[in-house]
């Protein structure tokens, strides 16, 4: 479910337990958890500006299309339910910005080791 306010479009509910989630272009914020234990791929649009919720993947991929790093809120998280690490794919030239931004949020928490052990960030 997507809530529209002016030019802002926010994902406010995900009800499906599916393998692939592609957030439509035009969405500017994801305010809820995306993914599940079955989910193997999440694709985020170029228009994404704010990520408020958590991603849950099953050893799969999370692809950000925008080279400008979205604002990650304090509850941002990536949980991997698979044996293999989850892979975050970011546009070429933005790897350091994404890694630094994600780490800044996660370093505040006591589960930072769990986050880093189950995650690989790489460029397209």
PDB file of N, CA and C in Angstrom:
ATOM      1  N   UNK A   1       0.839  -1.161   0.000  1.00  0.00           N
ATOM      2  CA  UNK A   1       0.000   0.000   0.000  1.00  0.00           C
ATOM      3  C   UNK A   1       0.897   1.241   0.000  1.00  0.00           C
ATOM      4  N   UNK A   2       0.585   2.181  -0.859  1.00  0.00           N
ATOM      5  CA  UNK A   2       1.391   3.395  -0.995  1.00  0.00           C
ATOM      6  C   UNK A   2       0.522   4.608  -0.695  1.00  0.00           C
ATOM      7  N   UNK A   3       0.993   5.451   0.213  1.00  0.00           N
ATOM      8  CA  UNK A   3       0.293   6.679   0.586  1.00  0.00           C
ATOM      9  C   UNK A   3       0.900   7.833  -0.206  1.00  0.00           C
ATOM     10  N   UNK A   4       0.047   8.653  -0.833  1.00  0.00           N
ATOM     11  CA  UNK A   4       0.516   9.788  -1.629  1.00  0.00           C
ATOM     12  C   UNK A   4       0.130  11.093  -0.950  1.00  0.00           C
ATOM     13  N   UNK A   5       1.127  11.960  -0.748  1.00  0.00           N
ATOM     14  CA  UNK A   5       0.913  13.308  -0.220  1.00  0.00           C
ATOM     15  C   UNK A   5       1.700  14.259  -1.104  1.00  0.00           C
ATOM     16  N   UNK A   6       1.019  14.975  -1.975  1.00  0.00           N
ATOM     17  CA  UNK A   6       1.702  15.848  -2.926  1.00  0.00           C
ATOM     18  C   UNK A   6       2.591  15.013  -3.824  1.00  0.00           C
ATOM     19  N   UNK A   7       3.875  15.361  -3.862  1.00  0.00           N
ATOM     20  CA  UNK A   7       4.819  14.605  -4.691  1.00  0.00           C
ATOM     21  C   UNK A   7       5.467  13.444  -3.943  1.00  0.00           C
ATOM     22  N   UNK A   8       5.200  13.328  -2.646  1.00  0.00           N
ATOM     23  CA  UNK A   8       5.775  12.245  -1.850  1.00  0.00           C
ATOM     24  C   UNK A   8       4.875  11.022  -1.889  1.00  0.00           C
ATOM     25  N   UNK A   9       5.496   9.874  -2.104  1.00  0.00           N
ATOM     26  CA  UNK A   9       4.787   8.596  -2.092  1.00  0.00           C
ATOM     27  C   UNK A   9       5.518   7.689  -1.117  1.00  0.00           C
ATOM     28  N   UNK A  10       4.789   7.163  -0.130  1.00  0.00           N
ATOM     29  CA  UNK A  10       5.386   6.371   0.932  1.00  0.00           C
ATOM     30  C   UNK A  10       4.769   4.984   0.977  1.00  0.00           C
ATOM     31  N   UNK A  11       5.617   3.962   0.964  1.00  0.00           N
ATOM     32  CA  UNK A  11       5.148   2.596   1.172  1.00  0.00           C
ATOM     33  C   UNK A  11       4.822   2.481   2.651  1.00  0.00           C
ATOM     34  N   UNK A  12       3.551   2.208   2.971  1.00  0.00           N
ATOM     35  CA  UNK A  12       3.143   2.140   4.373  1.00  0.00           C
ATOM     36  C   UNK A  12       2.685   0.739   4.793  1.00  0.00           C
ATOM     37  N   UNK A  13       2.605  -0.187   3.844  1.00  0.00           N
ATOM     38  CA  UNK A  13       2.240  -1.540   4.208  1.00  0.00           C
ATOM     39  C   UNK A  13       2.729  -2.522   3.157  1.00  0.00           C
ATOM     40  N   UNK A  14       3.228  -3.646   3.653  1.00  0.00           N
ATOM     41  CA  UNK A  14       3.564  -4.765   2.783  1.00  0.00           C
ATOM     42  C   UNK A  14       2.876  -5.978   3.370  1.00  0.00           C
ATOM     43  N   UNK A  15       2.065  -6.630   2.591  1.00  0.00           N
ATOM     44  CA  UNK A  15       1.287  -7.746   3.102  1.00  0.00           C
ATOM     45  C   UNK A  15       1.665  -9.073   2.456  1.00  0.00           C
ATOM     46  N   UNK A  16       2.535  -9.034   1.482  1.00  0.00           N
ATOM     47  CA  UNK A  16       2.842 -10.255   0.735  1.00  0.00           C
ATOM     48  C   UNK A  16       4.127 -10.911   1.227  1.00  0.00           C
ATOM     49  N   UNK A  17       4.120 -12.226   1.256  1.00  0.00           N
ATOM     50  CA  UNK A  17       5.298 -13.015   1.609  1.00  0.00           C
ATOM     51  C   UNK A  17       5.803 -13.635   0.307  1.00  0.00           C
ATOM     52  N   UNK A  18       6.541 -12.820  -0.476  1.00  0.00           N
ATOM     53  CA  UNK A  18       6.932 -13.228  -1.827  1.00  0.00           C
ATOM     54  C   UNK A  18       8.454 -13.213  -1.975  1.00  0.00           C
ATOM     55  N   UNK A  19       8.935 -13.782  -3.072  1.00  0.00           N
ATOM     56  CA  UNK A  19      10.369 -13.903  -3.301  1.00  0.00           C
ATOM     57  C   UNK A  19      11.016 -12.627  -3.812  1.00  0.00           C
ATOM     58  N   UNK A  20      10.268 -11.785  -4.543  1.00  0.00           N
ATOM     59  CA  UNK A  20      10.847 -10.581  -5.124  1.00  0.00           C
ATOM     60  C   UNK A  20       9.914  -9.395  -4.894  1.00  0.00           C
ATOM     61  N   UNK A  21      10.500  -8.282  -4.420  1.00  0.00           N
ATOM     62  CA  UNK A  21       9.745  -7.051  -4.221  1.00  0.00           C
ATOM     63  C   UNK A  21      10.435  -5.963  -5.023  1.00  0.00           C
ATOM     64  N   UNK A  22       9.690  -5.331  -5.908  1.00  0.00           N
ATOM     65  CA  UNK A  22      10.215  -4.189  -6.655  1.00  0.00           C
ATOM     66  C   UNK A  22       9.339  -2.989  -6.322  1.00  0.00           C
ATOM     67  N   UNK A  23       9.928  -2.032  -5.603  1.00  0.00           N
ATOM     68  CA  UNK A  23       9.202  -0.832  -5.220  1.00  0.00           C
ATOM     69  C   UNK A  23       9.083   0.042  -6.468  1.00  0.00           C
ATOM     70  N   UNK A  24       7.870   0.501  -6.790  1.00  0.00           N
ATOM     71  CA  UNK A  24       7.681   1.249  -8.040  1.00  0.00           C
ATOM     72  C   UNK A  24       8.390   2.594  -8.056  1.00  0.00           C
ATOM     73  N   UNK A  25       8.779   3.002  -9.249  1.00  0.00           N
ATOM     74  CA  UNK A  25       9.382   4.321  -9.447  1.00  0.00           C
ATOM     75  C   UNK A  25       8.380   5.374  -8.987  1.00  0.00           C
ATOM     76  N   UNK A  26       8.878   6.434  -8.402  1.00  0.00           N
ATOM     77  CA  UNK A  26       8.028   7.497  -7.879  1.00  0.00           C
ATOM     78  C   UNK A  26       7.902   7.442  -6.369  1.00  0.00           C
ATOM     79  N   UNK A  27       8.133   6.263  -5.774  1.00  0.00           N
ATOM     80  CA  UNK A  27       8.087   6.141  -4.311  1.00  0.00           C
ATOM     81  C   UNK A  27       9.295   6.860  -3.734  1.00  0.00           C
ATOM     82  N   UNK A  28       9.039   7.742  -2.755  1.00  0.00           N
ATOM     83  CA  UNK A  28      10.117   8.534  -2.155  1.00  0.00           C
ATOM     84  C   UNK A  28      10.534   8.024  -0.784  1.00  0.00           C
ATOM     85  N   UNK A  29       9.674   7.219  -0.134  1.00  0.00           N
ATOM     86  CA  UNK A  29      10.014   6.701   1.199  1.00  0.00           C
ATOM     87  C   UNK A  29       9.442   5.308   1.385  1.00  0.00           C
ATOM     88  N   UNK A  30      10.218   4.467   2.066  1.00  0.00           N
ATOM     89  CA  UNK A  30       9.724   3.169   2.516  1.00  0.00           C
ATOM     90  C   UNK A  30       9.706   3.246   4.031  1.00  0.00           C
ATOM     91  N   UNK A  31       8.488   3.228   4.603  1.00  0.00           N
ATOM     92  CA  UNK A  31       8.325   3.444   6.037  1.00  0.00           C
ATOM     93  C   UNK A  31       8.053   2.160   6.808  1.00  0.00           C
ATOM     94  N   UNK A  32       8.102   1.027   6.134  1.00  0.00           N
ATOM     95  CA  UNK A  32       7.788  -0.247   6.780  1.00  0.00           C
ATOM     96  C   UNK A  32       8.846  -1.283   6.440  1.00  0.00           C
ATOM     97  N   UNK A  33       8.748  -2.421   7.106  1.00  0.00           N
ATOM     98  CA  UNK A  33       9.620  -3.557   6.807  1.00  0.00           C
ATOM     99  C   UNK A  33       9.290  -4.081   5.417  1.00  0.00           C
ATOM    100  N   UNK A  34      10.326  -4.358   4.637  1.00  0.00           N
ATOM    101  CA  UNK A  34      10.158  -4.987   3.327  1.00  0.00           C
ATOM    102  C   UNK A  34      10.845  -6.341   3.353  1.00  0.00           C
ATOM    103  N   UNK A  35      10.198  -7.327   2.768  1.00  0.00           N
ATOM    104  CA  UNK A  35      10.805  -8.646   2.661  1.00  0.00           C
ATOM    105  C   UNK A  35      10.269  -9.598   3.713  1.00  0.00           C
ATOM    106  N   UNK A  36      10.817 -10.794   3.676  1.00  0.00           N
ATOM    107  CA  UNK A  36      10.406 -11.862   4.595  1.00  0.00           C
ATOM    108  C   UNK A  36      11.450 -12.968   4.507  1.00  0.00           C
ATOM    109  N   UNK A  37      11.185 -14.046   5.202  1.00  0.00           N
ATOM    110  CA  UNK A  37      12.100 -15.180   5.135  1.00  0.00           C
ATOM    111  C   UNK A  37      12.142 -15.803   3.746  1.00  0.00           C
ATOM    112  N   UNK A  38      11.112 -15.589   2.935  1.00  0.00           N
ATOM    113  CA  UNK A  38      11.070 -16.127   1.576  1.00  0.00           C
ATOM    114  C   UNK A  38      11.688 -15.178   0.551  1.00  0.00           C
ATOM    115  N   UNK A  39      11.854 -13.923   0.908  1.00  0.00           N
ATOM    116  CA  UNK A  39      12.271 -12.904  -0.049  1.00  0.00           C
ATOM    117  C   UNK A  39      13.750 -13.068  -0.431  1.00  0.00           C
ATOM    118  N   UNK A  40      14.014 -13.069  -1.716  1.00  0.00           N
ATOM    119  CA  UNK A  40      15.376 -13.209  -2.220  1.00  0.00           C
ATOM    120  C   UNK A  40      15.860 -11.971  -2.957  1.00  0.00           C
ATOM    121  N   UNK A  41      14.948 -11.019  -3.243  1.00  0.00           N
ATOM    122  CA  UNK A  41      15.377  -9.832  -3.985  1.00  0.00           C
ATOM    123  C   UNK A  41      14.459  -8.651  -3.671  1.00  0.00           C
ATOM    124  N   UNK A  42      15.082  -7.506  -3.368  1.00  0.00           N
ATOM    125  CA  UNK A  42      14.367  -6.251  -3.176  1.00  0.00           C
ATOM    126  C   UNK A  42      15.029  -5.222  -4.082  1.00  0.00           C
ATOM    127  N   UNK A  43      14.226  -4.540  -4.891  1.00  0.00           N
ATOM    128  CA  UNK A  43      14.750  -3.517  -5.799  1.00  0.00           C
ATOM    129  C   UNK A  43      14.088  -2.191  -5.431  1.00  0.00           C
ATOM    130  N   UNK A  44      14.921  -1.193  -5.175  1.00  0.00           N
ATOM    131  CA  UNK A  44      14.433   0.121  -4.758  1.00  0.00           C
ATOM    132  C   UNK A  44      14.591   1.124  -5.887  1.00  0.00           C
ATOM    133  N   UNK A  45      13.633   2.054  -6.029  1.00  0.00           N
ATOM    134  CA  UNK A  45      13.623   2.949  -7.182  1.00  0.00           C
ATOM    135  C   UNK A  45      14.632   4.086  -7.091  1.00  0.00           C
ATOM    136  N   UNK A  46      14.882   4.684  -8.218  1.00  0.00           N
ATOM    137  CA  UNK A  46      15.737   5.863  -8.312  1.00  0.00           C
ATOM    138  C   UNK A  46      15.183   7.007  -7.470  1.00  0.00           C
ATOM    139  N   UNK A  47      13.871   7.063  -7.312  1.00  0.00           N
ATOM    140  CA  UNK A  47      13.205   8.153  -6.594  1.00  0.00           C
ATOM    141  C   UNK A  47      13.288   8.049  -5.074  1.00  0.00           C
ATOM    142  N   UNK A  48      13.800   6.927  -4.521  1.00  0.00           N
ATOM    143  CA  UNK A  48      13.829   6.727  -3.069  1.00  0.00           C
ATOM    144  C   UNK A  48      14.701   7.776  -2.388  1.00  0.00           C
ATOM    145  N   UNK A  49      14.132   8.451  -1.367  1.00  0.00           N
ATOM    146  CA  UNK A  49      14.870   9.474  -0.620  1.00  0.00           C
ATOM    147  C   UNK A  49      15.039   9.115   0.844  1.00  0.00           C
ATOM    148  N   UNK A  50      14.106   8.318   1.400  1.00  0.00           N
ATOM    149  CA  UNK A  50      14.127   7.988   2.827  1.00  0.00           C
ATOM    150  C   UNK A  50      13.820   6.508   3.005  1.00  0.00           C
ATOM    151  N   UNK A  51      14.627   5.834   3.821  1.00  0.00           N
ATOM    152  CA  UNK A  51      14.385   4.436   4.171  1.00  0.00           C
ATOM    153  C   UNK A  51      14.207   4.372   5.681  1.00  0.00           C
ATOM    154  N   UNK A  52      12.979   4.112   6.105  1.00  0.00           N
ATOM    155  CA  UNK A  52      12.680   4.099   7.535  1.00  0.00           C
ATOM    156  C   UNK A  52      12.584   2.694   8.107  1.00  0.00           C
ATOM    157  N   UNK A  53      12.312   1.725   7.289  1.00  0.00           N
ATOM    158  CA  UNK A  53      12.056   0.386   7.801  1.00  0.00           C
ATOM    159  C   UNK A  53      13.223  -0.561   7.641  1.00  0.00           C
ATOM    160  N   UNK A  54      12.932  -1.826   7.849  1.00  0.00           N
ATOM    161  CA  UNK A  54      13.934  -2.881   7.839  1.00  0.00           C
ATOM    162  C   UNK A  54      13.751  -3.746   6.599  1.00  0.00           C
ATOM    163  N   UNK A  55      14.857  -4.256   6.067  1.00  0.00           N
ATOM    164  CA  UNK A  55      14.822  -5.216   4.974  1.00  0.00           C
ATOM    165  C   UNK A  55      15.071  -6.605   5.555  1.00  0.00           C
ATOM    166  N   UNK A  56      14.333  -7.589   5.076  1.00  0.00           N
ATOM    167  CA  UNK A  56      14.590  -8.974   5.453  1.00  0.00           C
ATOM    168  C   UNK A  56      14.700  -9.776   4.167  1.00  0.00           C
ATOM    169  N   UNK A  57      15.847 -10.410   3.966  1.00  0.00           N
ATOM    170  CA  UNK A  57      16.059 -11.213   2.765  1.00  0.00           C
ATOM    171  C   UNK A  57      16.587 -12.590   3.159  1.00  0.00           C
ATOM    172  N   UNK A  58      16.465 -13.515   2.245  1.00  0.00           N
ATOM    173  CA  UNK A  58      16.912 -14.878   2.453  1.00  0.00           C
ATOM    174  C   UNK A  58      18.194 -15.100   1.653  1.00  0.00           C
ATOM    175  N   UNK A  59      19.285 -14.491   2.107  1.00  0.00           N
ATOM    176  CA  UNK A  59      20.562 -14.627   1.415  1.00  0.00           C
ATOM    177  C   UNK A  59      20.538 -14.024   0.033  1.00  0.00           C
ATOM    178  N   UNK A  60      19.672 -13.051  -0.194  1.00  0.00           N
ATOM    179  CA  UNK A  60      19.485 -12.496  -1.530  1.00  0.00           C
ATOM    180  C   UNK A  60      20.105 -11.128  -1.724  1.00  0.00           C
ATOM    181  N   UNK A  61      19.505 -10.319  -2.606  1.00  0.00           N
ATOM    182  CA  UNK A  61      20.065  -9.018  -2.959  1.00  0.00           C
ATOM    183  C   UNK A  61      19.078  -7.897  -2.675  1.00  0.00           C
ATOM    184  N   UNK A  62      19.641  -6.751  -2.346  1.00  0.00           N
ATOM    185  CA  UNK A  62      18.896  -5.509  -2.190  1.00  0.00           C
ATOM    186  C   UNK A  62      19.582  -4.516  -3.108  1.00  0.00           C
ATOM    187  N   UNK A  63      18.861  -4.003  -4.089  1.00  0.00           N
ATOM    188  CA  UNK A  63      19.455  -3.120  -5.089  1.00  0.00           C
ATOM    189  C   UNK A  63      18.922  -1.705  -4.928  1.00  0.00           C
ATOM    190  N   UNK A  64      19.848  -0.767  -4.711  1.00  0.00           N
ATOM    191  CA  UNK A  64      19.521   0.654  -4.702  1.00  0.00           C
ATOM    192  C   UNK A  64      19.891   1.207  -6.071  1.00  0.00           C
ATOM    193  N   UNK A  65      18.965   1.933  -6.714  1.00  0.00           N
ATOM    194  CA  UNK A  65      19.239   2.484  -8.038  1.00  0.00           C
ATOM    195  C   UNK A  65      19.824   3.889  -7.984  1.00  0.00           C
ATOM    196  N   UNK A  66      19.587   4.613  -6.890  1.00  0.00           N
ATOM    197  CA  UNK A  66      19.999   6.009  -6.802  1.00  0.00           C
ATOM    198  C   UNK A  66      21.416   6.124  -6.239  1.00  0.00           C
ATOM    199  N   UNK A  67      22.284   6.860  -6.923  1.00  0.00           N
ATOM    200  CA  UNK A  67      23.643   7.044  -6.411  1.00  0.00           C
ATOM    201  C   UNK A  67      23.670   7.997  -5.222  1.00  0.00           C
ATOM    202  N   UNK A  68      22.604   8.798  -5.050  1.00  0.00           N
ATOM    203  CA  UNK A  68      22.476   9.628  -3.850  1.00  0.00           C
ATOM    204  C   UNK A  68      21.907   8.736  -2.750  1.00  0.00           C
ATOM    205  N   UNK A  69      22.641   8.595  -1.671  1.00  0.00           N
ATOM    206  CA  UNK A  69      22.233   7.709  -0.589  1.00  0.00           C
ATOM    207  C   UNK A  69      20.960   8.258   0.059  1.00  0.00           C
ATOM    208  N   UNK A  70      19.944   7.421   0.222  1.00  0.00           N
ATOM    209  CA  UNK A  70      18.744   7.904   0.912  1.00  0.00           C
ATOM    210  C   UNK A  70      19.045   8.185   2.380  1.00  0.00           C
ATOM    211  N   UNK A  71      18.172   8.933   3.008  1.00  0.00           N
ATOM    212  CA  UNK A  71      18.279   9.151   4.452  1.00  0.00           C
ATOM    213  C   UNK A  71      17.832   7.854   5.118  1.00  0.00           C
ATOM    214  N   UNK A  72      18.710   7.243   5.888  1.00  0.00           N
ATOM    215  CA  UNK A  72      18.361   6.042   6.630  1.00  0.00           C
ATOM    216  C   UNK A  72      17.993   6.465   8.044  1.00  0.00           C
ATOM    217  N   UNK A  73      16.766   6.156   8.452  1.00  0.00           N
ATOM    218  CA  UNK A  73      16.304   6.495   9.795  1.00  0.00           C
ATOM    219  C   UNK A  73      16.921   5.536  10.803  1.00  0.00           C
ATOM    220  N   UNK A  74      16.792   5.852  12.081  1.00  0.00           N
ATOM    221  CA  UNK A  74      17.426   5.067  13.141  1.00  0.00           C
ATOM    222  C   UNK A  74      16.997   3.607  13.178  1.00  0.00           C
ATOM    223  N   UNK A  75      15.802   3.293  12.696  1.00  0.00           N
ATOM    224  CA  UNK A  75      15.350   1.909  12.740  1.00  0.00           C
ATOM    225  C   UNK A  75      15.698   1.129  11.472  1.00  0.00           C
ATOM    226  N   UNK A  76      16.467   1.744  10.570  1.00  0.00           N
ATOM    227  CA  UNK A  76      16.937   1.042   9.368  1.00  0.00           C
ATOM    228  C   UNK A  76      17.732  -0.186   9.781  1.00  0.00           C
ATOM    229  N   UNK A  77      17.520  -1.274   9.070  1.00  0.00           N
ATOM    230  CA  UNK A  77      18.247  -2.502   9.362  1.00  0.00           C
ATOM    231  C   UNK A  77      18.125  -3.434   8.167  1.00  0.00           C
ATOM    232  N   UNK A  78      19.071  -4.342   8.048  1.00  0.00           N
ATOM    233  CA  UNK A  78      18.985  -5.408   7.054  1.00  0.00           C
ATOM    234  C   UNK A  78      19.170  -6.717   7.803  1.00  0.00           C
ATOM    235  N   UNK A  79      18.188  -7.586   7.703  1.00  0.00           N
ATOM    236  CA  UNK A  79      18.261  -8.895   8.343  1.00  0.00           C
ATOM    237  C   UNK A  79      18.327  -9.961   7.266  1.00  0.00           C
ATOM    238  N   UNK A  80      19.285 -10.830   7.402  1.00  0.00           N
ATOM    239  CA  UNK A  80      19.496 -11.898   6.442  1.00  0.00           C
ATOM    240  C   UNK A  80      19.067 -13.212   7.068  1.00  0.00           C
ATOM    241  N   UNK A  81      18.129 -13.890   6.432  1.00  0.00           N
ATOM    242  CA  UNK A  81      17.643 -15.173   6.940  1.00  0.00           C
ATOM    243  C   UNK A  81      18.297 -16.349   6.218  1.00  0.00           C
ATOM    244  N   UNK A  82      19.218 -16.071   5.300  1.00  0.00           N
ATOM    245  CA  UNK A  82      19.864 -17.141   4.553  1.00  0.00           C
ATOM    246  C   UNK A  82      21.208 -17.528   5.136  1.00  0.00           C
ATOM    247  N   UNK A  83      21.758 -18.604   4.630  1.00  0.00           N
ATOM    248  CA  UNK A  83      23.082 -19.065   5.053  1.00  0.00           C
ATOM    249  C   UNK A  83      24.160 -18.165   4.462  1.00  0.00           C
ATOM    250  N   UNK A  84      23.996 -17.774   3.194  1.00  0.00           N
ATOM    251  CA  UNK A  84      24.959 -16.901   2.524  1.00  0.00           C
ATOM    252  C   UNK A  84      24.678 -15.446   2.888  1.00  0.00           C
ATOM    253  N   UNK A  85      25.706 -14.580   2.813  1.00  0.00           N
ATOM    254  CA  UNK A  85      25.484 -13.164   3.113  1.00  0.00           C
ATOM    255  C   UNK A  85      24.490 -12.533   2.146  1.00  0.00           C
ATOM    256  N   UNK A  86      23.746 -11.565   2.647  1.00  0.00           N
ATOM    257  CA  UNK A  86      22.908 -10.740   1.782  1.00  0.00           C
ATOM    258  C   UNK A  86      23.839  -9.789   1.032  1.00  0.00           C
ATOM    259  N   UNK A  87      23.467  -9.412  -0.183  1.00  0.00           N
ATOM    260  CA  UNK A  87      24.290  -8.519  -0.993  1.00  0.00           C
ATOM    261  C   UNK A  87      23.499  -7.250  -1.273  1.00  0.00           C
ATOM    262  N   UNK A  88      24.066  -6.111  -0.885  1.00  0.00           N
ATOM    263  CA  UNK A  88      23.488  -4.812  -1.216  1.00  0.00           C
ATOM    264  C   UNK A  88      24.229  -4.306  -2.443  1.00  0.00           C
ATOM    265  N   UNK A  89      23.488  -4.009  -3.491  1.00  0.00           N
ATOM    266  CA  UNK A  89      24.085  -3.529  -4.735  1.00  0.00           C
ATOM    267  C   UNK A  89      23.746  -2.048  -4.878  1.00  0.00           C
ATOM    268  N   UNK A  90      24.796  -1.242  -5.087  1.00  0.00           N
ATOM    269  CA  UNK A  90      24.619   0.207  -5.210  1.00  0.00           C
ATOM    270  C   UNK A  90      25.220   0.669  -6.536  1.00  0.00           C
ATOM    271  N   UNK A  91      24.795   1.831  -7.028  1.00  0.00           N
ATOM    272  CA  UNK A  91      25.331   2.319  -8.295  1.00  0.00           C
ATOM    273  C   UNK A  91      26.841   2.564  -8.233  1.00  0.00           C
ATOM    274  N   UNK A  92      27.484   2.421  -9.376  1.00  0.00           N
ATOM    275  CA  UNK A  92      28.934   2.650  -9.475  1.00  0.00           C
ATOM    276  C   UNK A  92      29.276   4.035  -8.948  1.00  0.00           C
ATOM    277  N   UNK A  93      30.342   4.112  -8.182  1.00  0.00           N
ATOM    278  CA  UNK A  93      30.818   5.374  -7.641  1.00  0.00           C
ATOM    279  C   UNK A  93      30.203   5.773  -6.309  1.00  0.00           C
ATOM    280  N   UNK A  94      29.267   4.960  -5.799  1.00  0.00           N
ATOM    281  CA  UNK A  94      28.592   5.345  -4.553  1.00  0.00           C
ATOM    282  C   UNK A  94      28.849   4.386  -3.394  1.00  0.00           C
ATOM    283  N   UNK A  95      29.734   3.426  -3.586  1.00  0.00           N
ATOM    284  CA  UNK A  95      29.976   2.397  -2.579  1.00  0.00           C
ATOM    285  C   UNK A  95      30.388   2.985  -1.228  1.00  0.00           C
ATOM    286  N   UNK A  96      31.359   3.858  -1.217  1.00  0.00           N
ATOM    287  CA  UNK A  96      31.854   4.419   0.048  1.00  0.00           C
ATOM    288  C   UNK A  96      30.765   5.202   0.771  1.00  0.00           C
ATOM    289  N   UNK A  97      29.974   5.966   0.029  1.00  0.00           N
ATOM    290  CA  UNK A  97      28.904   6.757   0.641  1.00  0.00           C
ATOM    291  C   UNK A  97      27.859   5.842   1.281  1.00  0.00           C
ATOM    292  N   UNK A  98      27.450   4.805   0.583  1.00  0.00           N
ATOM    293  CA  UNK A  98      26.459   3.885   1.141  1.00  0.00           C
ATOM    294  C   UNK A  98      27.016   3.166   2.360  1.00  0.00           C
ATOM    295  N   UNK A  99      28.221   2.639   2.246  1.00  0.00           N
ATOM    296  CA  UNK A  99      28.816   1.885   3.356  1.00  0.00           C
ATOM    297  C   UNK A  99      28.950   2.766   4.597  1.00  0.00           C
ATOM    298  N   UNK A 100      29.465   3.981   4.435  1.00  0.00           N
ATOM    299  CA  UNK A 100      29.645   4.883   5.573  1.00  0.00           C
ATOM    300  C   UNK A 100      28.314   5.237   6.224  1.00  0.00           C
ATOM    301  N   UNK A 101      27.314   5.522   5.396  1.00  0.00           N
ATOM    302  CA  UNK A 101      26.005   5.908   5.918  1.00  0.00           C
ATOM    303  C   UNK A 101      25.352   4.758   6.665  1.00  0.00           C
ATOM    304  N   UNK A 102      25.369   3.566   6.093  1.00  0.00           N
ATOM    305  CA  UNK A 102      24.776   2.409   6.764  1.00  0.00           C
ATOM    306  C   UNK A 102      25.510   2.099   8.065  1.00  0.00           C
ATOM    307  N   UNK A 103      26.820   2.120   8.031  1.00  0.00           N
ATOM    308  CA  UNK A 103      27.593   1.808   9.235  1.00  0.00           C
ATOM    309  C   UNK A 103      27.362   2.818  10.346  1.00  0.00           C
ATOM    310  N   UNK A 104      27.192   4.084   9.997  1.00  0.00           N
ATOM    311  CA  UNK A 104      26.964   5.114  11.009  1.00  0.00           C
ATOM    312  C   UNK A 104      25.695   4.815  11.809  1.00  0.00           C
ATOM    313  N   UNK A 105      24.680   4.318  11.145  1.00  0.00           N
ATOM    314  CA  UNK A 105      23.419   3.999  11.826  1.00  0.00           C
ATOM    315  C   UNK A 105      23.577   2.733  12.653  1.00  0.00           C
ATOM    316  N   UNK A 106      24.163   1.707  12.046  1.00  0.00           N
ATOM    317  CA  UNK A 106      24.243   0.408  12.699  1.00  0.00           C
ATOM    318  C   UNK A 106      25.237   0.424  13.850  1.00  0.00           C
ATOM    319  N   UNK A 107      26.294   1.215  13.775  1.00  0.00           N
ATOM    320  CA  UNK A 107      27.310   1.255  14.833  1.00  0.00           C
ATOM    321  C   UNK A 107      26.728   1.719  16.162  1.00  0.00           C
ATOM    322  N   UNK A 108      25.594   2.380  16.145  1.00  0.00           N
ATOM    323  CA  UNK A 108      24.962   2.826  17.384  1.00  0.00           C
ATOM    324  C   UNK A 108      24.323   1.672  18.142  1.00  0.00           C
ATOM    325  N   UNK A 109      24.152   0.534  17.477  1.00  0.00           N
ATOM    326  CA  UNK A 109      23.442  -0.580  18.082  1.00  0.00           C
ATOM    327  C   UNK A 109      24.410  -1.632  18.608  1.00  0.00           C
ATOM    328  N   UNK A 110      23.871  -2.515  19.445  1.00  0.00           N
ATOM    329  CA  UNK A 110      24.721  -3.556  20.019  1.00  0.00           C
ATOM    330  C   UNK A 110      24.801  -4.810  19.153  1.00  0.00           C
ATOM    331  N   UNK A 111      24.105  -4.849  18.026  1.00  0.00           N
ATOM    332  CA  UNK A 111      24.152  -6.026  17.149  1.00  0.00           C
ATOM    333  C   UNK A 111      24.956  -5.763  15.883  1.00  0.00           C
ATOM    334  N   UNK A 112      25.913  -4.851  15.955  1.00  0.00           N
ATOM    335  CA  UNK A 112      26.679  -4.470  14.772  1.00  0.00           C
ATOM    336  C   UNK A 112      27.419  -5.659  14.152  1.00  0.00           C
ATOM    337  N   UNK A 113      27.909  -6.577  14.965  1.00  0.00           N
ATOM    338  CA  UNK A 113      28.609  -7.745  14.438  1.00  0.00           C
ATOM    339  C   UNK A 113      27.703  -8.606  13.588  1.00  0.00           C
ATOM    340  N   UNK A 114      26.489  -8.809  14.029  1.00  0.00           N
ATOM    341  CA  UNK A 114      25.517  -9.586  13.275  1.00  0.00           C
ATOM    342  C   UNK A 114      25.233  -8.932  11.930  1.00  0.00           C
ATOM    343  N   UNK A 115      25.104  -7.613  11.922  1.00  0.00           N
ATOM    344  CA  UNK A 115      24.849  -6.877  10.686  1.00  0.00           C
ATOM    345  C   UNK A 115      26.013  -7.053   9.715  1.00  0.00           C
ATOM    346  N   UNK A 116      27.235  -6.816  10.157  1.00  0.00           N
ATOM    347  CA  UNK A 116      28.395  -6.853   9.272  1.00  0.00           C
ATOM    348  C   UNK A 116      28.745  -8.261   8.798  1.00  0.00           C
ATOM    349  N   UNK A 117      28.511  -9.275   9.598  1.00  0.00           N
ATOM    350  CA  UNK A 117      28.843 -10.648   9.217  1.00  0.00           C
ATOM    351  C   UNK A 117      27.918 -11.205   8.138  1.00  0.00           C
ATOM    352  N   UNK A 118      26.737 -10.663   8.029  1.00  0.00           N
ATOM    353  CA  UNK A 118      25.743 -11.209   7.110  1.00  0.00           C
ATOM    354  C   UNK A 118      25.477 -10.324   5.911  1.00  0.00           C
ATOM    355  N   UNK A 119      26.391  -9.390   5.616  1.00  0.00           N
ATOM    356  CA  UNK A 119      26.116  -8.404   4.592  1.00  0.00           C
ATOM    357  C   UNK A 119      27.367  -8.086   3.760  1.00  0.00           C
ATOM    358  N   UNK A 120      27.175  -8.002   2.438  1.00  0.00           N
ATOM    359  CA  UNK A 120      28.217  -7.573   1.515  1.00  0.00           C
ATOM    360  C   UNK A 120      27.642  -6.409   0.730  1.00  0.00           C
ATOM    361  N   UNK A 121      28.397  -5.319   0.629  1.00  0.00           N
ATOM    362  CA  UNK A 121      27.955  -4.177  -0.171  1.00  0.00           C
ATOM    363  C   UNK A 121      28.906  -4.071  -1.369  1.00  0.00           C
ATOM    364  N   UNK A 122      28.311  -4.024  -2.573  1.00  0.00           N
ATOM    365  CA  UNK A 122      29.150  -3.912  -3.766  1.00  0.00           C
ATOM    366  C   UNK A 122      28.479  -3.008  -4.794  1.00  0.00           C
ATOM    367  N   UNK A 123      29.280  -2.550  -5.736  1.00  0.00           N
ATOM    368  CA  UNK A 123      28.774  -1.663  -6.787  1.00  0.00           C
ATOM    369  C   UNK A 123      28.289  -2.481  -7.982  1.00  0.00           C
ATOM    370  N   UNK A 124      27.375  -1.876  -8.739  1.00  0.00           N
ATOM    371  CA  UNK A 124      26.887  -2.509  -9.978  1.00  0.00           C
ATOM    372  C   UNK A 124      27.994  -2.546 -10.988  1.00  0.00           C
TER     373      UNK A 124
END
